C-alpha atoms as a PDB file:
ATOM      1  CA  MET A   1      26.214  13.227  -6.875  1.00  0.00           C
ATOM      2  CA  PRO A   2      25.439  11.893 -10.304  1.00  0.00           C
ATOM      3  CA  GLU A   3      23.591  14.698 -13.021  1.00  0.00           C
ATOM      4  CA  ILE A   4      20.978  14.063 -14.397  1.00  0.00           C
ATOM      5  CA  ASP A   5      19.724  14.933 -18.075  1.00  0.00           C
ATOM      6  CA  PRO A   6      17.330  17.170 -18.466  1.00  0.00           C
ATOM      7  CA  ALA A   7      14.424  14.859 -20.035  1.00  0.00           C
ATOM      8  CA  SER A   8      14.746  12.441 -17.204  1.00  0.00           C
ATOM      9  CA  ILE A   9      14.115  15.493 -14.977  1.00  0.00           C
ATOM     10  CA  ALA A  10      11.191  16.009 -16.982  1.00  0.00           C
ATOM     11  CA  ILE A  11      10.026  12.029 -16.657  1.00  0.00           C
ATOM     12  CA  ILE A  12      10.389  12.413 -12.901  1.00  0.00           C
ATOM     13  CA  PHE A  13       8.131  15.517 -12.806  1.00  0.00           C
ATOM     14  CA  VAL A  14       5.307  14.254 -14.491  1.00  0.00           C
ATOM     15  CA  ALA A  15       5.831  10.552 -11.584  1.00  0.00           C
ATOM     16  CA  LEU A  16       6.040  12.942  -9.234  1.00  0.00           C
ATOM     17  CA  GLY A  17       2.481  14.747 -10.199  1.00  0.00           C
ATOM     18  CA  LEU A  18       0.964  11.697 -11.095  1.00  0.00           C
ATOM     19  CA  GLY A  19       1.892  10.240  -8.000  1.00  0.00           C
ATOM     20  CA  GLY A  20       0.348  13.241  -5.732  1.00  0.00           C
ATOM     21  CA  LEU A  21      -2.642  12.885  -8.182  1.00  0.00           C
ATOM     22  CA  THR A  22      -3.409   9.901  -6.787  1.00  0.00           C
ATOM     23  CA  LYS A  23      -2.088  10.539  -3.301  1.00  0.00           C
ATOM     24  CA  GLY A  24      -4.984  13.304  -3.066  1.00  0.00           C
ATOM     25  CA  LEU A  25      -7.316  10.931  -4.636  1.00  0.00           C
ATOM     26  CA  THR A  26      -7.068   8.361  -2.425  1.00  0.00           C
ATOM     27  CA  GLY A  27      -4.331   9.104   0.049  1.00  0.00           C
ATOM     28  CA  PHE A  28      -1.835   6.037  -1.276  1.00  0.00           C
ATOM     29  CA  GLY A  29       0.202   5.589  -4.838  1.00  0.00           C
ATOM     30  CA  LEU A  30       2.947   8.452  -4.457  1.00  0.00           C
ATOM     31  CA  PRO A  31       6.105   6.428  -3.885  1.00  0.00           C
ATOM     32  CA  LEU A  32       4.024   3.309  -5.515  1.00  0.00           C
ATOM     33  CA  VAL A  33       3.824   5.678  -9.018  1.00  0.00           C
ATOM     34  CA  SER A  34       7.182   7.951  -8.450  1.00  0.00           C
ATOM     35  CA  VAL A  35       9.703   5.204  -7.186  1.00  0.00           C
ATOM     36  CA  PRO A  36       9.585   3.202 -10.081  1.00  0.00           C
ATOM     37  CA  VAL A  37      10.145   5.879 -12.127  1.00  0.00           C
ATOM     38  CA  MET A  38      13.105   7.283 -10.108  1.00  0.00           C
ATOM     39  CA  ALA A  39      14.952   4.025  -9.951  1.00  0.00           C
ATOM     40  CA  GLY A  40      15.106   3.499 -12.753  1.00  0.00           C
ATOM     41  CA  ILE A  41      17.122   6.665 -13.278  1.00  0.00           C
ATOM     42  CA  ILE A  42      18.459   7.211 -10.181  1.00  0.00           C
ATOM     43  CA  GLY A  43      18.499   4.105  -8.748  1.00  0.00           C
ATOM     44  CA  LEU A  44      15.968   2.506  -5.807  1.00  0.00           C
ATOM     45  CA  ASP A  45      17.635   4.301  -2.355  1.00  0.00           C
ATOM     46  CA  ARG A  46      18.018   7.687  -3.430  1.00  0.00           C
ATOM     47  CA  ALA A  47      14.660   7.368  -5.351  1.00  0.00           C
ATOM     48  CA  LEU A  48      13.906   7.179  -1.862  1.00  0.00           C
ATOM     49  CA  ALA A  49      15.167   9.760  -0.294  1.00  0.00           C
ATOM     50  CA  VAL A  50      13.810  11.980  -2.812  1.00  0.00           C
ATOM     51  CA  MET A  51      10.391  10.818  -1.761  1.00  0.00           C
ATOM     52  CA  VAL A  52      10.624  11.192   2.346  1.00  0.00           C
ATOM     53  CA  LEU A  53       9.875  15.149   2.540  1.00  0.00           C
ATOM     54  CA  PRO A  54       7.374  15.146  -0.350  1.00  0.00           C
ATOM     55  CA  SER A  55       5.701  11.925   1.501  1.00  0.00           C
ATOM     56  CA  VAL A  56       5.520  13.517   4.664  1.00  0.00           C
ATOM     57  CA  ALA A  57       4.600  16.685   3.397  1.00  0.00           C
ATOM     58  CA  SER A  58       1.178  15.790   1.344  1.00  0.00           C
ATOM     59  CA  ASN A  59       0.237  13.334   4.307  1.00  0.00           C
ATOM     60  CA  ILE A  60       0.305  16.306   6.971  1.00  0.00           C
ATOM     61  CA  TRP A  61      -1.978  17.778   4.263  1.00  0.00           C
ATOM     62  CA  LEU A  62      -4.554  15.359   3.808  1.00  0.00           C
ATOM     63  CA  MET A  63      -4.740  14.694   7.116  1.00  0.00           C
ATOM     64  CA  TRP A  64      -5.497  17.675   7.694  1.00  0.00           C
ATOM     65  CA  VAL A  65      -8.397  17.967   5.378  1.00  0.00           C
ATOM     66  CA  HIS A  66      -9.496  14.476   6.614  1.00  0.00           C
ATOM     67  CA  ARG A  67      -9.410  15.563  10.652  1.00  0.00           C
ATOM     68  CA  ALA A  68     -13.230  15.244  11.114  1.00  0.00           C
ATOM     69  CA  HIS A  69     -12.373  11.412  10.495  1.00  0.00           C
ATOM     70  CA  PHE A  70      -9.698  11.078  13.569  1.00  0.00           C
ATOM     71  CA  ARG A  71     -11.596   8.585  15.392  1.00  0.00           C
ATOM     72  CA  THR A  72     -11.202   5.918  13.058  1.00  0.00           C
ATOM     73  CA  ALA A  73      -7.316   6.265  14.024  1.00  0.00           C
ATOM     74  CA  LYS A  74      -7.470   3.906  17.048  1.00  0.00           C
ATOM     75  CA  THR A  75      -8.227   0.743  14.132  1.00  0.00           C
ATOM     76  CA  TYR A  76      -5.228   0.535  12.827  1.00  0.00           C
ATOM     77  CA  ILE A  77      -2.717   1.251  15.731  1.00  0.00           C
ATOM     78  CA  PRO A  78      -1.127  -2.177  16.082  1.00  0.00           C
ATOM     79  CA  LEU A  79      -1.148  -2.391  12.448  1.00  0.00           C
ATOM     80  CA  LEU A  80       1.624   0.523  12.597  1.00  0.00           C
ATOM     81  CA  LEU A  81       3.193  -0.544  16.308  1.00  0.00           C
ATOM     82  CA  ALA A  82       4.080  -3.644  14.718  1.00  0.00           C
ATOM     83  CA  SER A  83       5.421  -1.913  11.202  1.00  0.00           C
ATOM     84  CA  LEU A  84       8.051  -0.351  12.930  1.00  0.00           C
ATOM     85  CA  PRO A  85      11.153  -3.279  13.311  1.00  0.00           C
ATOM     86  CA  GLY A  86       9.860  -4.048  10.293  1.00  0.00           C
ATOM     87  CA  ILE A  87      10.645  -1.056   8.724  1.00  0.00           C
ATOM     88  CA  ALA A  88      14.290  -1.045  10.106  1.00  0.00           C
ATOM     89  CA  LEU A  89      14.717  -4.784   8.424  1.00  0.00           C
ATOM     90  CA  GLY A  90      13.553  -3.551   5.968  1.00  0.00           C
ATOM     91  CA  GLY A  91      16.196  -0.687   5.613  1.00  0.00           C
ATOM     92  CA  TYR A  92      18.916  -3.606   5.841  1.00  0.00           C
ATOM     93  CA  LEU A  93      17.460  -5.585   3.616  1.00  0.00           C
ATOM     94  CA  LEU A  94      17.530  -2.666   0.861  1.00  0.00           C
ATOM     95  CA  THR A  95      21.298  -3.919   0.007  1.00  0.00           C
ATOM     96  CA  HIS A  96      20.795  -7.180   0.197  1.00  0.00           C
ATOM     97  CA  ILE A  97      17.675  -8.958  -1.530  1.00  0.00           C
ATOM     98  CA  ALA A  98      17.406  -8.132  -4.937  1.00  0.00           C
ATOM     99  CA  GLU A  99      14.378  -5.615  -5.354  1.00  0.00           C
ATOM    100  CA  ARG A 100      12.429  -7.924  -8.294  1.00  0.00           C
ATOM    101  CA  TRP A 101      11.368 -10.716  -5.436  1.00  0.00           C
ATOM    102  CA  LEU A 102       9.706  -8.549  -3.265  1.00  0.00           C
ATOM    103  CA  LEU A 103       8.027  -7.000  -6.358  1.00  0.00           C
ATOM    104  CA  ALA A 104       6.633 -10.746  -7.125  1.00  0.00           C
ATOM    105  CA  VAL A 105       5.406 -11.491  -4.216  1.00  0.00           C
ATOM    106  CA  LEU A 106       3.411  -7.791  -3.258  1.00  0.00           C
ATOM    107  CA  ALA A 107       1.795  -8.159  -6.528  1.00  0.00           C
ATOM    108  CA  GLY A 108       0.370 -12.041  -5.672  1.00  0.00           C
ATOM    109  CA  TRP A 109      -0.461 -10.347  -2.358  1.00  0.00           C
ATOM    110  CA  ILE A 110      -2.944  -8.084  -4.338  1.00  0.00           C
ATOM    111  CA  VAL A 111      -4.329 -10.723  -6.641  1.00  0.00           C
ATOM    112  CA  ILE A 112      -5.115 -12.497  -3.632  1.00  0.00           C
ATOM    113  CA  TYR A 113      -7.179 -10.291  -2.147  1.00  0.00           C
ATOM    114  CA  VAL A 114      -8.948  -8.530  -5.001  1.00  0.00           C
ATOM    115  CA  ALA A 115      -9.780 -12.212  -6.664  1.00  0.00           C
ATOM    116  CA  GLY A 116     -11.318 -13.114  -3.028  1.00  0.00           C
ATOM    117  CA  ALA A 117     -13.306  -9.407  -3.155  1.00  0.00           C
ATOM    118  CA  MET A 118     -14.694 -10.430  -6.404  1.00  0.00           C
ATOM    119  CA  ARG A 119     -16.067 -13.059  -5.106  1.00  0.00           C
ATOM    120  CA  ARG A 120     -17.972 -11.689  -2.016  1.00  0.00           C
ATOM    121  CA  HIS A 121     -21.047 -10.137  -2.292  1.00  0.00           C
ATOM    122  CA  PRO A 122     -21.109  -6.694  -2.109  1.00  0.00           C
ATOM    123  CA  GLU A 123     -23.777  -7.106   1.240  1.00  0.00           C
ATOM    124  CA  GLU A 124     -22.046 -10.030   3.108  1.00  0.00           C
ATOM    125  CA  GLU A 125     -20.625  -9.108   6.224  1.00  0.00           C
ATOM    126  CA  ARG A 126     -17.489  -8.508   7.007  1.00  0.00           C
ATOM    127  CA  LYS A 127     -15.965 -10.039   9.817  1.00  0.00           C
ATOM    128  CA  GLU A 128     -13.177  -8.651  12.111  1.00  0.00           C
ATOM    129  CA  ILE A 129      -9.516  -9.272  11.478  1.00  0.00           C
ATOM    130  CA  PRO A 130      -8.144 -11.057  14.482  1.00  0.00           C
ATOM    131  CA  LEU A 131      -4.764  -9.087  16.419  1.00  0.00           C
ATOM    132  CA  TRP A 132      -2.780 -11.529  15.309  1.00  0.00           C
ATOM    133  CA  ARG A 133      -3.158 -11.181  11.359  1.00  0.00           C
ATOM    134  CA  VAL A 134      -3.052  -7.763  11.772  1.00  0.00           C
ATOM    135  CA  ALA A 135       0.211  -7.620  13.059  1.00  0.00           C
ATOM    136  CA  ALA A 136       1.674  -9.666  10.933  1.00  0.00           C
ATOM    137  CA  ILE A 137       0.509  -7.323   8.353  1.00  0.00           C
ATOM    138  CA  GLY A 138       1.902  -4.626  10.491  1.00  0.00           C
ATOM    139  CA  LEU A 139       5.591  -6.375   9.913  1.00  0.00           C
ATOM    140  CA  ALA A 140       4.941  -7.426   6.569  1.00  0.00           C
ATOM    141  CA  ALA A 141       3.990  -3.675   5.309  1.00  0.00           C
ATOM    142  CA  GLY A 142       7.189  -2.146   7.299  1.00  0.00           C
ATOM    143  CA  THR A 143       9.164  -4.192   5.575  1.00  0.00           C
ATOM    144  CA  SER A 144       8.553  -3.344   2.018  1.00  0.00           C
ATOM    145  CA  GLN A 145       8.700  -0.022   3.525  1.00  0.00           C
ATOM    146  CA  GLY A 146      11.686  -0.227   4.733  1.00  0.00           C
ATOM    147  CA  ALA A 147      12.927  -1.649   1.853  1.00  0.00           C
ATOM    148  CA  THR A 148      11.143  -0.525  -1.704  1.00  0.00           C
ATOM    149  CA  GLY A 149       8.972   2.018  -0.161  1.00  0.00           C
ATOM    150  CA  ILE A 150       6.172   0.687  -1.812  1.00  0.00           C
ATOM    151  CA  THR A 151       3.209  -0.906   0.742  1.00  0.00           C
ATOM    152  CA  THR A 152       0.310  -0.202  -0.816  1.00  0.00           C
ATOM    153  CA  PRO A 153      -0.141  -3.476  -1.969  1.00  0.00           C
ATOM    154  CA  ILE A 154      -0.378  -4.695   1.314  1.00  0.00           C
ATOM    155  CA  VAL A 155      -1.471  -1.526   3.028  1.00  0.00           C
ATOM    156  CA  GLY A 156      -4.291  -0.512   0.371  1.00  0.00           C
ATOM    157  CA  THR A 157      -6.016  -3.880   0.533  1.00  0.00           C
ATOM    158  CA  TYR A 158      -6.356  -4.069   4.650  1.00  0.00           C
ATOM    159  CA  LEU A 159      -7.600  -0.757   4.529  1.00  0.00           C
ATOM    160  CA  ASP A 160     -10.244  -1.837   2.001  1.00  0.00           C
ATOM    161  CA  SER A 161     -11.493  -4.915   3.880  1.00  0.00           C
ATOM    162  CA  LEU A 162     -11.981  -2.108   6.614  1.00  0.00           C
ATOM    163  CA  ALA A 163     -15.061  -0.995   4.284  1.00  0.00           C
ATOM    164  CA  LEU A 164     -14.213   2.637   5.278  1.00  0.00           C
ATOM    165  CA  LYS A 165     -16.046   5.477   4.086  1.00  0.00           C
ATOM    166  CA  PRO A 166     -13.781   7.652   1.378  1.00  0.00           C
ATOM    167  CA  GLY A 167     -12.699  10.562   3.344  1.00  0.00           C
ATOM    168  CA  ALA A 168     -11.663   7.838   6.594  1.00  0.00           C
ATOM    169  CA  TYR A 169     -10.005   6.011   3.754  1.00  0.00           C
ATOM    170  CA  VAL A 170      -7.827   8.961   2.993  1.00  0.00           C
ATOM    171  CA  PHE A 171      -7.182   9.921   6.183  1.00  0.00           C
ATOM    172  CA  ALA A 172      -6.744   5.946   7.753  1.00  0.00           C
ATOM    173  CA  SER A 173      -4.040   5.975   4.504  1.00  0.00           C
ATOM    174  CA  ALA A 174      -2.455   9.817   5.435  1.00  0.00           C
ATOM    175  CA  VAL A 175      -2.297   8.625   9.438  1.00  0.00           C
ATOM    176  CA  ILE A 176      -0.252   5.335   8.163  1.00  0.00           C
ATOM    177  CA  TYR A 177       2.104   6.388   5.164  1.00  0.00           C
ATOM    178  CA  GLN A 178       3.714   9.104   7.562  1.00  0.00           C
ATOM    179  CA  VAL A 179       4.436   6.900  10.389  1.00  0.00           C
ATOM    180  CA  PHE A 180       5.886   4.893   7.771  1.00  0.00           C
ATOM    181  CA  TRP A 181       7.795   7.692   6.372  1.00  0.00           C
ATOM    182  CA  PHE A 182       9.459   9.153   9.447  1.00  0.00           C
ATOM    183  CA  SER A 183      10.300   5.864  10.685  1.00  0.00           C
ATOM    184  CA  THR A 184      11.838   5.242   7.046  1.00  0.00           C
ATOM    185  CA  GLY A 185      14.118   8.209   6.688  1.00  0.00           C
ATOM    186  CA  ALA A 186      15.125   8.230  10.193  1.00  0.00           C
ATOM    187  CA  SER A 187      16.187   4.353   8.635  1.00  0.00           C
ATOM    188  CA  LEU A 188      17.725   6.419   5.587  1.00  0.00           C
ATOM    189  CA  GLY A 189      19.658   8.170   7.584  1.00  0.00           C
ATOM    190  CA  ALA A 190      21.071   5.501   9.702  1.00  0.00           C
ATOM    191  CA  PHE A 191      22.109   3.518   6.565  1.00  0.00           C
ATOM    192  CA  GLY A 192      23.840   6.724   5.704  1.00  0.00           C
ATOM    193  CA  LEU A 193      21.065   7.469   2.546  1.00  0.00           C
ATOM    194  CA  PHE A 194      19.600  10.502   2.934  1.00  0.00           C
ATOM    195  CA  SER A 195      22.537  13.437   2.896  1.00  0.00           C
ATOM    196  CA  VAL A 196      22.162  16.672   2.449  1.00  0.00           C
ATOM    197  CA  ASP A 197      21.869  16.751  -0.745  1.00  0.00           C
ATOM    198  CA  ARG A 198      19.669  14.042  -1.210  1.00  0.00           C
ATOM    199  CA  ALA A 199      17.618  15.853   1.146  1.00  0.00           C
ATOM    200  CA  ALA A 200      17.419  18.811  -1.209  1.00  0.00           C
ATOM    201  CA  GLU A 201      16.403  17.002  -3.617  1.00  0.00           C
ATOM    202  CA  SER A 202      13.559  15.736  -1.592  1.00  0.00           C
ATOM    203  CA  LEU A 203      12.652  19.518  -1.469  1.00  0.00           C
ATOM    204  CA  ILE A 204      12.407  20.515  -4.441  1.00  0.00           C
ATOM    205  CA  ALA A 205      10.158  16.887  -5.268  1.00  0.00           C
ATOM    206  CA  LEU A 206       7.914  18.807  -2.852  1.00  0.00           C
ATOM    207  CA  LEU A 207       6.460  21.333  -5.784  1.00  0.00           C
ATOM    208  CA  PRO A 208       4.902  18.717  -8.134  1.00  0.00           C
ATOM    209  CA  VAL A 209       3.140  16.984  -5.467  1.00  0.00           C
ATOM    210  CA  SER A 210       2.567  19.644  -3.943  1.00  0.00           C
ATOM    211  CA  LEU A 211       0.417  21.181  -7.194  1.00  0.00           C
ATOM    212  CA  PHE A 212      -1.190  17.789  -7.467  1.00  0.00           C
ATOM    213  CA  VAL A 213      -2.127  16.587  -4.329  1.00  0.00           C
ATOM    214  CA  PRO A 214      -5.488  19.082  -4.115  1.00  0.00           C
ATOM    215  CA  PHE A 215      -6.262  18.767  -7.282  1.00  0.00           C
ATOM    216  CA  GLY A 216      -6.966  14.806  -6.197  1.00  0.00           C
ATOM    217  CA  ALA A 217      -8.174  15.621  -3.494  1.00  0.00           C
ATOM    218  CA  TRP A 218     -11.250  17.861  -4.403  1.00  0.00           C
ATOM    219  CA  LEU A 219     -12.218  14.630  -6.725  1.00  0.00           C
ATOM    220  CA  SER A 220     -12.014  12.433  -4.135  1.00  0.00           C
ATOM    221  CA  GLY A 221     -15.240  14.172  -2.277  1.00  0.00           C
ATOM    222  CA  ARG A 222     -17.151  14.042  -6.009  1.00  0.00           C
ATOM    223  CA  ILE A 223     -16.921  10.613  -5.904  1.00  0.00           C
ATOM    224  CA  SER A 224     -19.623   7.657  -3.697  1.00  0.00           C
ATOM    225  CA  PRO A 225     -18.899   5.155  -1.446  1.00  0.00           C
ATOM    226  CA  ALA A 226     -19.106   2.774  -3.780  1.00  0.00           C
ATOM    227  CA  GLY A 227     -17.321   4.406  -6.174  1.00  0.00           C
ATOM    228  CA  PHE A 228     -14.583   5.254  -4.792  1.00  0.00           C
ATOM    229  CA  SER A 229     -14.380   1.474  -3.918  1.00  0.00           C
ATOM    230  CA  LYS A 230     -14.718  -0.060  -7.746  1.00  0.00           C
ATOM    231  CA  LEU A 231     -11.715   3.071  -8.061  1.00  0.00           C
ATOM    232  CA  ILE A 232      -9.638   1.587  -4.997  1.00  0.00           C
ATOM    233  CA  LYS A 233     -10.141  -2.593  -6.389  1.00  0.00           C
ATOM    234  CA  ALA A 234      -9.027  -0.930 -10.264  1.00  0.00           C
ATOM    235  CA  LEU A 235      -6.069   0.891  -8.594  1.00  0.00           C
ATOM    236  CA  LEU A 236      -5.041  -2.526  -7.091  1.00  0.00           C
ATOM    237  CA  ALA A 237      -5.451  -4.485  -9.683  1.00  0.00           C
ATOM    238  CA  LEU A 238      -3.587  -2.271 -12.353  1.00  0.00           C
ATOM    239  CA  ILE A 239      -0.520  -2.270  -9.515  1.00  0.00           C
ATOM    240  CA  ALA A 240      -1.085  -6.186  -9.587  1.00  0.00           C
ATOM    241  CA  LEU A 241      -0.167  -5.678 -13.409  1.00  0.00           C
ATOM    242  CA  ARG A 242       2.483  -3.139 -12.701  1.00  0.00           C
ATOM    243  CA  LEU A 243       4.700  -4.564  -9.760  1.00  0.00           C
ATOM    244  CA  VAL A 244       3.981  -8.489 -12.036  1.00  0.00           C
ATOM    245  CA  TYR A 245       6.360  -6.076 -15.187  1.00  0.00           C
ATOM    246  CA  LEU A 246       8.715  -4.631 -12.948  1.00  0.00           C
ATOM    247  CA  ALA A 247       9.898  -8.145 -11.389  1.00  0.00           C
ATOM    248  CA  ILE A 248       9.592  -9.926 -14.970  1.00  0.00           C
ATOM    249  CA  THR A 249      12.062  -6.944 -16.042  1.00  0.00           C
ATOM    250  CA  GLY A 250      13.852  -5.590 -12.994  1.00  0.00           C
END
C-alpha cells in the first residue's frame, strides 16, 4: 500500500469534511466532493473503497434522523431494483473505460435537467414519471455508482423532479445511496478492490465525515422548501461545471 504524505492526508480530510457537510444538508454530495479529490491522490478504485464505510454510516444516521418520512420510500423502489444489475456492470467498467467520458455524460444530464427546471413554471403540475423511465434511470444510476461512485447527477435530478419536502428528500437520498453503497462494497470485494488495508482506511475516513454530517443536517432543518429546491438546483449546476472540468482535464 503506497504511503501518503501528510499534506495529501490533510487535503483528503478536508474533502471528506466538506462532503460530509453537503451530505448532511441535502442527503447527497459525500462521494461527489470527496472521490474526485481522493482519486487524484490515491487512485479511483482505492478512493471508492475508502468511501464505503463513511457512506454507509452517514446514510444510516440520516435515515434515522428523517425516519418520519419512511412512507415515501415506496415511490423509488423500482429505481433501486433496476440499479442493482447496473452496479455490477459499473464495477466491471471501472477497469475497462476512461472515466472522463462518463463524467461528461453525467454533466450533460444535469445541464439538460436544470435547463428544463428553469423553464418550468413553479406552479406547473409535475407529471408522474413512467415506470420504464424510472427503471432506465435506476440502471444508469447503478452503472455510474459502480464505475465512479458518483450518481448525484442522476439520482439528484430524479428526486428533485418528485418535488419532495426537504426532510423527505434527504431520507430518500439516504435510502437510495445506502443500497448503492452496500452493493458497491460487495462489488469492490468481488473484484478484489476492497482489501483489509482499504477497509481500515475507510474506517479512519469516518472521523471527518461523522463530525460534519450532523451539522449539515442541522442546517437543512432551517431552510424553507422553496429555498431547499433552489439550493439543490444550484448545487447540481456547480456539480455539472465540476464534472465538465474533470472530463476535460482527466
